[in-house]
PDB file of N, CA and C in Angstrom:
ATOM      1  N   UNK A   1      20.952  98.954 183.320  1.00  0.00           N
ATOM      2  CA  UNK A   1      20.199  97.973 182.580  1.00  0.00           C
ATOM      3  C   UNK A   1      20.970  96.668 182.590  1.00  0.00           C
ATOM      4  N   UNK A   2      20.300  95.602 182.949  1.00  0.00           N
ATOM      5  CA  UNK A   2      20.927  94.293 182.925  1.00  0.00           C
ATOM      6  C   UNK A   2      20.205  93.435 181.914  1.00  0.00           C
ATOM      7  N   UNK A   3      20.835  92.351 181.556  1.00  0.00           N
ATOM      8  CA  UNK A   3      20.240  91.446 180.588  1.00  0.00           C
ATOM      9  C   UNK A   3      21.330  90.763 179.798  1.00  0.00           C
ATOM     10  N   UNK A   4      20.936  89.989 178.848  1.00  0.00           N
ATOM     11  CA  UNK A   4      21.904  89.253 178.049  1.00  0.00           C
ATOM     12  C   UNK A   4      22.792  90.223 177.277  1.00  0.00           C
ATOM     13  N   UNK A   5      24.086  90.012 177.379  1.00  0.00           N
ATOM     14  CA  UNK A   5      25.017  90.848 176.640  1.00  0.00           C
ATOM     15  C   UNK A   5      25.498  92.076 177.379  1.00  0.00           C
ATOM     16  N   UNK A   6      25.168  92.217 178.677  1.00  0.00           N
ATOM     17  CA  UNK A   6      25.684  93.366 179.414  1.00  0.00           C
ATOM     18  C   UNK A   6      25.969  92.951 180.851  1.00  0.00           C
ATOM     19  N   UNK A   7      26.901  93.677 181.481  1.00  0.00           N
ATOM     20  CA  UNK A   7      27.204  93.446 182.878  1.00  0.00           C
ATOM     21  C   UNK A   7      26.131  94.119 183.730  1.00  0.00           C
ATOM     22  N   UNK A   8      25.943  93.661 184.966  1.00  0.00           N
ATOM     23  CA  UNK A   8      24.999  94.360 185.848  1.00  0.00           C
ATOM     24  C   UNK A   8      25.533  95.733 186.234  1.00  0.00           C
ATOM     25  N   UNK A   9      24.700  96.574 186.708  1.00  0.00           N
ATOM     26  CA  UNK A   9      25.033  97.894 187.233  1.00  0.00           C
ATOM     27  C   UNK A   9      25.543  98.852 186.165  1.00  0.00           C
ATOM     28  N   UNK A  10      25.195  98.618 184.907  1.00  0.00           N
ATOM     29  CA  UNK A  10      25.524  99.562 183.851  1.00  0.00           C
ATOM     30  C   UNK A  10      26.999  99.671 183.514  1.00  0.00           C
ATOM     31  N   UNK A  11      27.779  98.610 183.741  1.00  0.00           N
ATOM     32  CA  UNK A  11      29.213  98.651 183.473  1.00  0.00           C
ATOM     33  C   UNK A  11      29.502  98.712 181.981  1.00  0.00           C
ATOM     34  N   UNK A  12      28.690  98.075 181.167  1.00  0.00           N
ATOM     35  CA  UNK A  12      28.904  98.101 179.730  1.00  0.00           C
ATOM     36  C   UNK A  12      28.692  96.746 179.117  1.00  0.00           C
ATOM     37  N   UNK A  13      28.927  96.615 177.829  1.00  0.00           N
ATOM     38  CA  UNK A  13      28.698  95.344 177.151  1.00  0.00           C
ATOM     39  C   UNK A  13      29.754  94.309 177.499  1.00  0.00           C
ATOM     40  N   UNK A  14      29.378  93.066 177.384  1.00  0.00           N
ATOM     41  CA  UNK A  14      30.313  91.960 177.596  1.00  0.00           C
ATOM     42  C   UNK A  14      31.202  91.860 176.366  1.00  0.00           C
ATOM     43  N   UNK A  15      32.524  91.719 176.555  1.00  0.00           N
ATOM     44  CA  UNK A  15      33.411  91.579 175.395  1.00  0.00           C
ATOM     45  C   UNK A  15      33.081  90.319 174.593  1.00  0.00           C
ATOM     46  N   UNK A  16      33.490  90.301 173.336  1.00  0.00           N
ATOM     47  CA  UNK A  16      33.196  89.177 172.440  1.00  0.00           C
ATOM     48  C   UNK A  16      34.131  88.012 172.715  1.00  0.00           C
ATOM     49  N   UNK A  17      33.968  87.414 173.876  1.00  0.00           N
ATOM     50  CA  UNK A  17      34.742  86.231 174.231  1.00  0.00           C
ATOM     51  C   UNK A  17      33.790  85.201 174.785  1.00  0.00           C
ATOM     52  N   UNK A  18      34.289  84.037 175.087  1.00  0.00           N
ATOM     53  CA  UNK A  18      33.443  83.008 175.669  1.00  0.00           C
ATOM     54  C   UNK A  18      33.086  81.968 174.638  1.00  0.00           C
ATOM     55  N   UNK A  19      31.835  81.503 174.717  1.00  0.00           N
ATOM     56  CA  UNK A  19      31.420  80.385 173.875  1.00  0.00           C
ATOM     57  C   UNK A  19      30.370  80.774 172.838  1.00  0.00           C
ATOM     58  N   UNK A  20      30.148  82.056 172.644  1.00  0.00           N
ATOM     59  CA  UNK A  20      29.135  82.509 171.697  1.00  0.00           C
ATOM     60  C   UNK A  20      29.566  82.343 170.255  1.00  0.00           C
ATOM     61  N   UNK A  21      28.647  82.682 169.349  1.00  0.00           N
ATOM     62  CA  UNK A  21      28.907  82.530 167.918  1.00  0.00           C
ATOM     63  C   UNK A  21      30.095  83.363 167.467  1.00  0.00           C
ATOM     64  N   UNK A  22      30.196  84.620 167.916  1.00  0.00           N
ATOM     65  CA  UNK A  22      31.310  85.476 167.511  1.00  0.00           C
ATOM     66  C   UNK A  22      32.638  84.907 168.003  1.00  0.00           C
ATOM     67  N   UNK A  23      32.675  84.386 169.222  1.00  0.00           N
ATOM     68  CA  UNK A  23      33.910  83.795 169.739  1.00  0.00           C
ATOM     69  C   UNK A  23      34.326  82.598 168.895  1.00  0.00           C
ATOM     70  N   UNK A  24      33.346  81.782 168.487  1.00  0.00           N
ATOM     71  CA  UNK A  24      33.680  80.633 167.624  1.00  0.00           C
ATOM     72  C   UNK A  24      34.192  81.092 166.270  1.00  0.00           C
ATOM     73  N   UNK A  25      33.602  82.149 165.711  1.00  0.00           N
ATOM     74  CA  UNK A  25      34.071  82.677 164.433  1.00  0.00           C
ATOM     75  C   UNK A  25      35.484  83.226 164.559  1.00  0.00           C
ATOM     76  N   UNK A  26      35.763  83.961 165.636  1.00  0.00           N
ATOM     77  CA  UNK A  26      37.107  84.503 165.844  1.00  0.00           C
ATOM     78  C   UNK A  26      38.118  83.384 166.024  1.00  0.00           C
ATOM     79  N   UNK A  27      37.741  82.358 166.764  1.00  0.00           N
ATOM     80  CA  UNK A  27      38.647  81.227 166.975  1.00  0.00           C
ATOM     81  C   UNK A  27      38.919  80.516 165.658  1.00  0.00           C
ATOM     82  N   UNK A  28      37.910  80.384 164.799  1.00  0.00           N
ATOM     83  CA  UNK A  28      38.096  79.712 163.513  1.00  0.00           C
ATOM     84  C   UNK A  28      39.033  80.502 162.610  1.00  0.00           C
ATOM     85  N   UNK A  29      38.872  81.829 162.561  1.00  0.00           N
ATOM     86  CA  UNK A  29      39.741  82.623 161.697  1.00  0.00           C
ATOM     87  C   UNK A  29      41.172  82.604 162.220  1.00  0.00           C
ATOM     88  N   UNK A  30      41.361  82.582 163.539  1.00  0.00           N
ATOM     89  CA  UNK A  30      42.708  82.478 164.089  1.00  0.00           C
ATOM     90  C   UNK A  30      43.300  81.109 163.763  1.00  0.00           C
ATOM     91  N   UNK A  31      42.466  80.081 163.782  1.00  0.00           N
ATOM     92  CA  UNK A  31      42.928  78.729 163.476  1.00  0.00           C
ATOM     93  C   UNK A  31      43.376  78.635 162.019  1.00  0.00           C
ATOM     94  N   UNK A  32      42.695  79.309 161.103  1.00  0.00           N
ATOM     95  CA  UNK A  32      43.099  79.304 159.699  1.00  0.00           C
ATOM     96  C   UNK A  32      44.496  79.885 159.519  1.00  0.00           C
ATOM     97  N   UNK A  33      44.847  80.887 160.326  1.00  0.00           N
ATOM     98  CA  UNK A  33      46.180  81.492 160.230  1.00  0.00           C
ATOM     99  C   UNK A  33      47.265  80.520 160.686  1.00  0.00           C
ATOM    100  N   UNK A  34      46.889  79.515 161.498  1.00  0.00           N
ATOM    101  CA  UNK A  34      47.864  78.553 161.991  1.00  0.00           C
ATOM    102  C   UNK A  34      48.164  77.449 160.973  1.00  0.00           C
ATOM    103  N   UNK A  35      47.355  77.334 159.916  1.00  0.00           N
ATOM    104  CA  UNK A  35      47.551  76.278 158.935  1.00  0.00           C
ATOM    105  C   UNK A  35      48.590  76.714 157.904  1.00  0.00           C
ATOM    106  N   UNK A  36      49.572  75.857 157.682  1.00  0.00           N
ATOM    107  CA  UNK A  36      50.595  76.167 156.696  1.00  0.00           C
ATOM    108  C   UNK A  36      51.158  74.888 156.114  1.00  0.00           C
ATOM    109  N   UNK A  37      51.799  75.035 154.956  1.00  0.00           N
ATOM    110  CA  UNK A  37      52.455  73.923 154.274  1.00  0.00           C
ATOM    111  C   UNK A  37      53.956  74.095 154.421  1.00  0.00           C
ATOM    112  N   UNK A  38      54.627  73.012 154.762  1.00  0.00           N
ATOM    113  CA  UNK A  38      56.086  73.019 154.909  1.00  0.00           C
ATOM    114  C   UNK A  38      56.686  72.259 153.734  1.00  0.00           C
ATOM    115  N   UNK A  39      57.586  72.917 152.999  1.00  0.00           N
ATOM    116  CA  UNK A  39      58.268  72.296 151.867  1.00  0.00           C
ATOM    117  C   UNK A  39      59.769  72.308 152.143  1.00  0.00           C
ATOM    118  N   UNK A  40      60.405  71.135 152.221  1.00  0.00           N
ATOM    119  CA  UNK A  40      61.854  71.103 152.435  1.00  0.00           C
ATOM    120  C   UNK A  40      62.571  71.868 151.331  1.00  0.00           C
ATOM    121  N   UNK A  41      63.598  72.629 151.716  1.00  0.00           N
ATOM    122  CA  UNK A  41      64.322  73.466 150.764  1.00  0.00           C
ATOM    123  C   UNK A  41      65.780  73.026 150.642  1.00  0.00           C
ATOM    124  N   UNK A  42      66.445  72.847 151.764  1.00  0.00           N
ATOM    125  CA  UNK A  42      67.870  72.480 151.770  1.00  0.00           C
ATOM    126  C   UNK A  42      68.169  71.803 153.102  1.00  0.00           C
ATOM    127  N   UNK A  43      69.107  70.869 153.094  1.00  0.00           N
ATOM    128  CA  UNK A  43      69.505  70.207 154.331  1.00  0.00           C
ATOM    129  C   UNK A  43      70.986  69.880 154.249  1.00  0.00           C
ATOM    130  N   UNK A  44      71.706  70.152 155.328  1.00  0.00           N
ATOM    131  CA  UNK A  44      73.125  69.818 155.365  1.00  0.00           C
ATOM    132  C   UNK A  44      73.575  69.650 156.804  1.00  0.00           C
ATOM    133  N   UNK A  45      74.728  68.987 156.971  1.00  0.00           N
ATOM    134  CA  UNK A  45      75.306  68.751 158.286  1.00  0.00           C
ATOM    135  C   UNK A  45      76.549  69.605 158.461  1.00  0.00           C
ATOM    136  N   UNK A  46      76.744  70.076 159.675  1.00  0.00           N
ATOM    137  CA  UNK A  46      77.939  70.846 160.006  1.00  0.00           C
ATOM    138  C   UNK A  46      78.996  69.839 160.451  1.00  0.00           C
ATOM    139  N   UNK A  47      80.110  69.727 159.726  1.00  0.00           N
ATOM    140  CA  UNK A  47      81.076  68.666 160.041  1.00  0.00           C
ATOM    141  C   UNK A  47      81.760  68.830 161.396  1.00  0.00           C
ATOM    142  N   UNK A  48      82.041  70.043 161.825  1.00  0.00           N
ATOM    143  CA  UNK A  48      82.785  70.224 163.074  1.00  0.00           C
ATOM    144  C   UNK A  48      81.908  70.115 164.314  1.00  0.00           C
ATOM    145  N   UNK A  49      80.691  70.591 164.259  1.00  0.00           N
ATOM    146  CA  UNK A  49      79.831  70.578 165.439  1.00  0.00           C
ATOM    147  C   UNK A  49      78.816  69.458 165.460  1.00  0.00           C
ATOM    148  N   UNK A  50      78.618  68.811 164.317  1.00  0.00           N
ATOM    149  CA  UNK A  50      77.664  67.719 164.252  1.00  0.00           C
ATOM    150  C   UNK A  50      76.213  68.155 164.188  1.00  0.00           C
ATOM    151  N   UNK A  51      75.954  69.445 164.007  1.00  0.00           N
ATOM    152  CA  UNK A  51      74.571  69.903 163.899  1.00  0.00           C
ATOM    153  C   UNK A  51      74.006  69.562 162.531  1.00  0.00           C
ATOM    154  N   UNK A  52      72.711  69.307 162.494  1.00  0.00           N
ATOM    155  CA  UNK A  52      71.997  69.117 161.230  1.00  0.00           C
ATOM    156  C   UNK A  52      71.155  70.367 161.008  1.00  0.00           C
ATOM    157  N   UNK A  53      71.328  71.006 159.862  1.00  0.00           N
ATOM    158  CA  UNK A  53      70.597  72.231 159.544  1.00  0.00           C
ATOM    159  C   UNK A  53      69.634  71.928 158.410  1.00  0.00           C
ATOM    160  N   UNK A  54      68.382  72.301 158.609  1.00  0.00           N
ATOM    161  CA  UNK A  54      67.362  72.098 157.586  1.00  0.00           C
ATOM    162  C   UNK A  54      66.661  73.431 157.334  1.00  0.00           C
ATOM    163  N   UNK A  55      66.552  73.780 156.057  1.00  0.00           N
ATOM    164  CA  UNK A  55      65.828  74.980 155.650  1.00  0.00           C
ATOM    165  C   UNK A  55      64.522  74.543 154.997  1.00  0.00           C
ATOM    166  N   UNK A  56      63.417  75.190 155.385  1.00  0.00           N
ATOM    167  CA  UNK A  56      62.105  74.824 154.880  1.00  0.00           C
ATOM    168  C   UNK A  56      61.341  76.070 154.452  1.00  0.00           C
ATOM    169  N   UNK A  57      60.538  75.942 153.409  1.00  0.00           N
ATOM    170  CA  UNK A  57      59.646  77.014 152.954  1.00  0.00           C
ATOM    171  C   UNK A  57      58.316  76.847 153.677  1.00  0.00           C
ATOM    172  N   UNK A  58      57.806  77.915 154.296  1.00  0.00           N
ATOM    173  CA  UNK A  58      56.490  77.902 154.934  1.00  0.00           C
ATOM    174  C   UNK A  58      55.530  78.735 154.105  1.00  0.00           C
ATOM    175  N   UNK A  59      54.421  78.140 153.697  1.00  0.00           N
ATOM    176  CA  UNK A  59      53.366  78.844 152.973  1.00  0.00           C
ATOM    177  C   UNK A  59      52.081  78.703 153.772  1.00  0.00           C
ATOM    178  N   UNK A  60      51.477  79.833 154.159  1.00  0.00           N
ATOM    179  CA  UNK A  60      50.276  79.830 154.976  1.00  0.00           C
ATOM    180  C   UNK A  60      49.037  79.644 154.124  1.00  0.00           C
ATOM    181  N   UNK A  61      48.072  78.875 154.632  1.00  0.00           N
ATOM    182  CA  UNK A  61      46.828  78.606 153.912  1.00  0.00           C
ATOM    183  C   UNK A  61      46.055  79.888 153.656  1.00  0.00           C
ATOM    184  N   UNK A  62      46.154  80.848 154.567  1.00  0.00           N
ATOM    185  CA  UNK A  62      45.424  82.107 154.415  1.00  0.00           C
ATOM    186  C   UNK A  62      46.105  83.049 153.429  1.00  0.00           C
ATOM    187  N   UNK A  63      47.270  82.663 152.908  1.00  0.00           N
ATOM    188  CA  UNK A  63      48.000  83.511 151.969  1.00  0.00           C
ATOM    189  C   UNK A  63      49.001  84.390 152.687  1.00  0.00           C
ATOM    190  N   UNK A  64      49.539  85.340 151.976  1.00  0.00           N
ATOM    191  CA  UNK A  64      50.507  86.248 152.570  1.00  0.00           C
ATOM    192  C   UNK A  64      51.935  85.842 152.267  1.00  0.00           C
ATOM    193  N   UNK A  65      52.835  86.452 153.001  1.00  0.00           N
ATOM    194  CA  UNK A  65      54.263  86.284 152.775  1.00  0.00           C
ATOM    195  C   UNK A  65      54.727  84.896 153.220  1.00  0.00           C
ATOM    196  N   UNK A  66      55.533  84.246 152.390  1.00  0.00           N
ATOM    197  CA  UNK A  66      56.149  82.993 152.766  1.00  0.00           C
ATOM    198  C   UNK A  66      57.323  83.253 153.702  1.00  0.00           C
ATOM    199  N   UNK A  67      57.655  82.270 154.502  1.00  0.00           N
ATOM    200  CA  UNK A  67      58.761  82.388 155.448  1.00  0.00           C
ATOM    201  C   UNK A  67      59.760  81.266 155.223  1.00  0.00           C
ATOM    202  N   UNK A  68      60.984  81.508 155.640  1.00  0.00           N
ATOM    203  CA  UNK A  68      62.025  80.489 155.629  1.00  0.00           C
ATOM    204  C   UNK A  68      62.182  79.993 157.057  1.00  0.00           C
ATOM    205  N   UNK A  69      61.916  78.713 157.264  1.00  0.00           N
ATOM    206  CA  UNK A  69      62.103  78.119 158.592  1.00  0.00           C
ATOM    207  C   UNK A  69      63.491  77.505 158.649  1.00  0.00           C
ATOM    208  N   UNK A  70      64.239  77.843 159.682  1.00  0.00           N
ATOM    209  CA  UNK A  70      65.566  77.288 159.928  1.00  0.00           C
ATOM    210  C   UNK A  70      65.449  76.355 161.130  1.00  0.00           C
ATOM    211  N   UNK A  71      65.797  75.083 160.921  1.00  0.00           N
ATOM    212  CA  UNK A  71      65.773  74.097 162.010  1.00  0.00           C
ATOM    213  C   UNK A  71      67.197  73.597 162.214  1.00  0.00           C
ATOM    214  N   UNK A  72      67.705  73.764 163.412  1.00  0.00           N
ATOM    215  CA  UNK A  72      69.046  73.299 163.744  1.00  0.00           C
ATOM    216  C   UNK A  72      68.896  72.218 164.816  1.00  0.00           C
ATOM    217  N   UNK A  73      69.350  71.020 164.496  1.00  0.00           N
ATOM    218  CA  UNK A  73      69.276  69.908 165.447  1.00  0.00           C
ATOM    219  C   UNK A  73      70.661  69.671 166.017  1.00  0.00           C
ATOM    220  N   UNK A  74      70.727  69.662 167.340  1.00  0.00           N
ATOM    221  CA  UNK A  74      71.959  69.340 168.062  1.00  0.00           C
ATOM    222  C   UNK A  74      71.625  68.208 169.018  1.00  0.00           C
ATOM    223  N   UNK A  75      71.912  66.991 168.607  1.00  0.00           N
ATOM    224  CA  UNK A  75      71.522  65.841 169.422  1.00  0.00           C
ATOM    225  C   UNK A  75      70.008  65.726 169.451  1.00  0.00           C
ATOM    226  N   UNK A  76      69.429  65.806 170.655  1.00  0.00           N
ATOM    227  CA  UNK A  76      67.970  65.742 170.783  1.00  0.00           C
ATOM    228  C   UNK A  76      67.335  67.120 170.861  1.00  0.00           C
ATOM    229  N   UNK A  77      68.134  68.163 170.864  1.00  0.00           N
ATOM    230  CA  UNK A  77      67.632  69.531 171.004  1.00  0.00           C
ATOM    231  C   UNK A  77      67.462  70.192 169.635  1.00  0.00           C
ATOM    232  N   UNK A  78      66.355  70.906 169.465  1.00  0.00           N
ATOM    233  CA  UNK A  78      66.085  71.633 168.226  1.00  0.00           C
ATOM    234  C   UNK A  78      66.007  73.123 168.506  1.00  0.00           C
ATOM    235  N   UNK A  79      66.567  73.906 167.604  1.00  0.00           N
ATOM    236  CA  UNK A  79      66.374  75.354 167.588  1.00  0.00           C
ATOM    237  C   UNK A  79      65.652  75.655 166.278  1.00  0.00           C
ATOM    238  N   UNK A  80      64.493  76.298 166.370  1.00  0.00           N
ATOM    239  CA  UNK A  80      63.669  76.563 165.192  1.00  0.00           C
ATOM    240  C   UNK A  80      63.283  78.028 165.200  1.00  0.00           C
ATOM    241  N   UNK A  81      63.485  78.693 164.071  1.00  0.00           N
ATOM    242  CA  UNK A  81      62.986  80.058 163.928  1.00  0.00           C
ATOM    243  C   UNK A  81      62.634  80.323 162.484  1.00  0.00           C
ATOM    244  N   UNK A  82      61.741  81.287 162.285  1.00  0.00           N
ATOM    245  CA  UNK A  82      61.215  81.617 160.967  1.00  0.00           C
ATOM    246  C   UNK A  82      61.699  82.996 160.550  1.00  0.00           C
ATOM    247  N   UNK A  83      62.117  83.111 159.291  1.00  0.00           N
ATOM    248  CA  UNK A  83      62.655  84.369 158.774  1.00  0.00           C
ATOM    249  C   UNK A  83      61.809  84.890 157.619  1.00  0.00           C
ATOM    250  N   UNK A  84      61.590  86.199 157.610  1.00  0.00           N
ATOM    251  CA  UNK A  84      60.962  86.836 156.461  1.00  0.00           C
ATOM    252  C   UNK A  84      62.018  86.966 155.364  1.00  0.00           C
ATOM    253  N   UNK A  85      61.611  87.211 154.119  1.00  0.00           N
ATOM    254  CA  UNK A  85      62.572  87.260 153.010  1.00  0.00           C
ATOM    255  C   UNK A  85      63.687  88.295 153.199  1.00  0.00           C
ATOM    256  N   UNK A  86      63.372  89.485 153.713  1.00  0.00           N
ATOM    257  CA  UNK A  86      64.395  90.526 153.875  1.00  0.00           C
ATOM    258  C   UNK A  86      65.441  90.102 154.903  1.00  0.00           C
ATOM    259  N   UNK A  87      65.002  89.517 156.000  1.00  0.00           N
ATOM    260  CA  UNK A  87      65.949  89.068 157.026  1.00  0.00           C
ATOM    261  C   UNK A  87      66.789  87.907 156.518  1.00  0.00           C
ATOM    262  N   UNK A  88      66.167  86.975 155.775  1.00  0.00           N
ATOM    263  CA  UNK A  88      66.915  85.840 155.223  1.00  0.00           C
ATOM    264  C   UNK A  88      68.002  86.321 154.268  1.00  0.00           C
ATOM    265  N   UNK A  89      67.672  87.314 153.437  1.00  0.00           N
ATOM    266  CA  UNK A  89      68.661  87.852 152.497  1.00  0.00           C
ATOM    267  C   UNK A  89      69.807  88.527 153.254  1.00  0.00           C
ATOM    268  N   UNK A  90      69.483  89.350 154.248  1.00  0.00           N
ATOM    269  CA  UNK A  90      70.519  90.046 155.022  1.00  0.00           C
ATOM    270  C   UNK A  90      71.422  89.046 155.740  1.00  0.00           C
ATOM    271  N   UNK A  91      70.838  88.011 156.322  1.00  0.00           N
ATOM    272  CA  UNK A  91      71.616  87.005 157.037  1.00  0.00           C
ATOM    273  C   UNK A  91      72.500  86.227 156.061  1.00  0.00           C
ATOM    274  N   UNK A  92      71.929  85.824 154.924  1.00  0.00           N
ATOM    275  CA  UNK A  92      72.704  85.098 153.923  1.00  0.00           C
ATOM    276  C   UNK A  92      73.849  85.928 153.367  1.00  0.00           C
ATOM    277  N   UNK A  93      73.586  87.206 153.098  1.00  0.00           N
ATOM    278  CA  UNK A  93      74.644  88.093 152.598  1.00  0.00           C
ATOM    279  C   UNK A  93      75.756  88.249 153.629  1.00  0.00           C
ATOM    280  N   UNK A  94      75.388  88.398 154.891  1.00  0.00           N
ATOM    281  CA  UNK A  94      76.393  88.554 155.953  1.00  0.00           C
ATOM    282  C   UNK A  94      77.244  87.293 156.079  1.00  0.00           C
ATOM    283  N   UNK A  95      76.624  86.121 155.998  1.00  0.00           N
ATOM    284  CA  UNK A  95      77.399  84.878 156.089  1.00  0.00           C
ATOM    285  C   UNK A  95      78.311  84.718 154.876  1.00  0.00           C
ATOM    286  N   UNK A  96      77.833  85.111 153.699  1.00  0.00           N
ATOM    287  CA  UNK A  96      78.680  85.033 152.497  1.00  0.00           C
ATOM    288  C   UNK A  96      79.881  85.964 152.609  1.00  0.00           C
ATOM    289  N   UNK A  97      79.641  87.189 153.102  1.00  0.00           N
ATOM    290  CA  UNK A  97      80.767  88.127 153.280  1.00  0.00           C
ATOM    291  C   UNK A  97      81.789  87.576 154.258  1.00  0.00           C
ATOM    292  N   UNK A  98      81.315  86.984 155.356  1.00  0.00           N
ATOM    293  CA  UNK A  98      82.227  86.414 156.337  1.00  0.00           C
ATOM    294  C   UNK A  98      83.016  85.266 155.716  1.00  0.00           C
ATOM    295  N   UNK A  99      82.333  84.357 155.006  1.00  0.00           N
ATOM    296  CA  UNK A  99      82.993  83.189 154.427  1.00  0.00           C
ATOM    297  C   UNK A  99      84.070  83.601 153.428  1.00  0.00           C
ATOM    298  N   UNK A 100      83.840  84.682 152.685  1.00  0.00           N
ATOM    299  CA  UNK A 100      84.819  85.144 151.704  1.00  0.00           C
ATOM    300  C   UNK A 100      86.082  85.683 152.356  1.00  0.00           C
ATOM    301  N   UNK A 101      86.005  86.076 153.615  1.00  0.00           N
ATOM    302  CA  UNK A 101      87.199  86.590 154.309  1.00  0.00           C
ATOM    303  C   UNK A 101      88.017  85.473 154.956  1.00  0.00           C
ATOM    304  N   UNK A 102      87.508  84.249 154.936  1.00  0.00           N
ATOM    305  CA  UNK A 102      88.169  83.129 155.590  1.00  0.00           C
ATOM    306  C   UNK A 102      89.002  82.344 154.578  1.00  0.00           C
ATOM    307  N   UNK A 103      90.101  81.724 155.023  1.00  0.00           N
ATOM    308  CA  UNK A 103      90.898  80.885 154.120  1.00  0.00           C
ATOM    309  C   UNK A 103      90.039  79.760 153.539  1.00  0.00           C
ATOM    310  N   UNK A 104      90.042  79.636 152.228  1.00  0.00           N
ATOM    311  CA  UNK A 104      89.239  78.617 151.550  1.00  0.00           C
ATOM    312  C   UNK A 104      87.774  79.010 151.382  1.00  0.00           C
ATOM    313  N   UNK A 105      87.404  80.200 151.800  1.00  0.00           N
ATOM    314  CA  UNK A 105      86.009  80.615 151.734  1.00  0.00           C
ATOM    315  C   UNK A 105      85.632  81.291 150.440  1.00  0.00           C
ATOM    316  N   UNK A 106      86.583  81.466 149.526  1.00  0.00           N
ATOM    317  CA  UNK A 106      86.266  82.137 148.269  1.00  0.00           C
ATOM    318  C   UNK A 106      85.687  81.177 147.243  1.00  0.00           C
ATOM    319  N   UNK A 107      85.610  79.889 147.565  1.00  0.00           N
ATOM    320  CA  UNK A 107      85.020  78.909 146.643  1.00  0.00           C
ATOM    321  C   UNK A 107      83.513  78.970 146.719  1.00  0.00           C
ATOM    322  N   UNK A 108      82.836  78.712 145.622  1.00  0.00           N
ATOM    323  CA  UNK A 108      81.364  78.690 145.554  1.00  0.00           C
ATOM    324  C   UNK A 108      80.874  77.309 145.879  1.00  0.00           C
TER     325      UNK A 108
END
């Protein structure tokens, strides 16, 4: 059976892609997930390497878990990655433990 919504020779239905109403709805819902608010959290410079580190809170318009964005600027190059709360805590705890083992690292 051929006709709108199926391939010829009885292969099966056409997937929900292309320019139809369902494709537009799927594209819109995916676009909503891309919308987020960025709130600056902390910013500091690394004195020895000259990097600028910026921490930002990401809140998605669709809701859900907030993320911590880490932006490291080295000259004109940026390294950006997003952390979930559990990973941010583990990373922060590990850096604190390391700093406490270094001379002068026991200060808050």
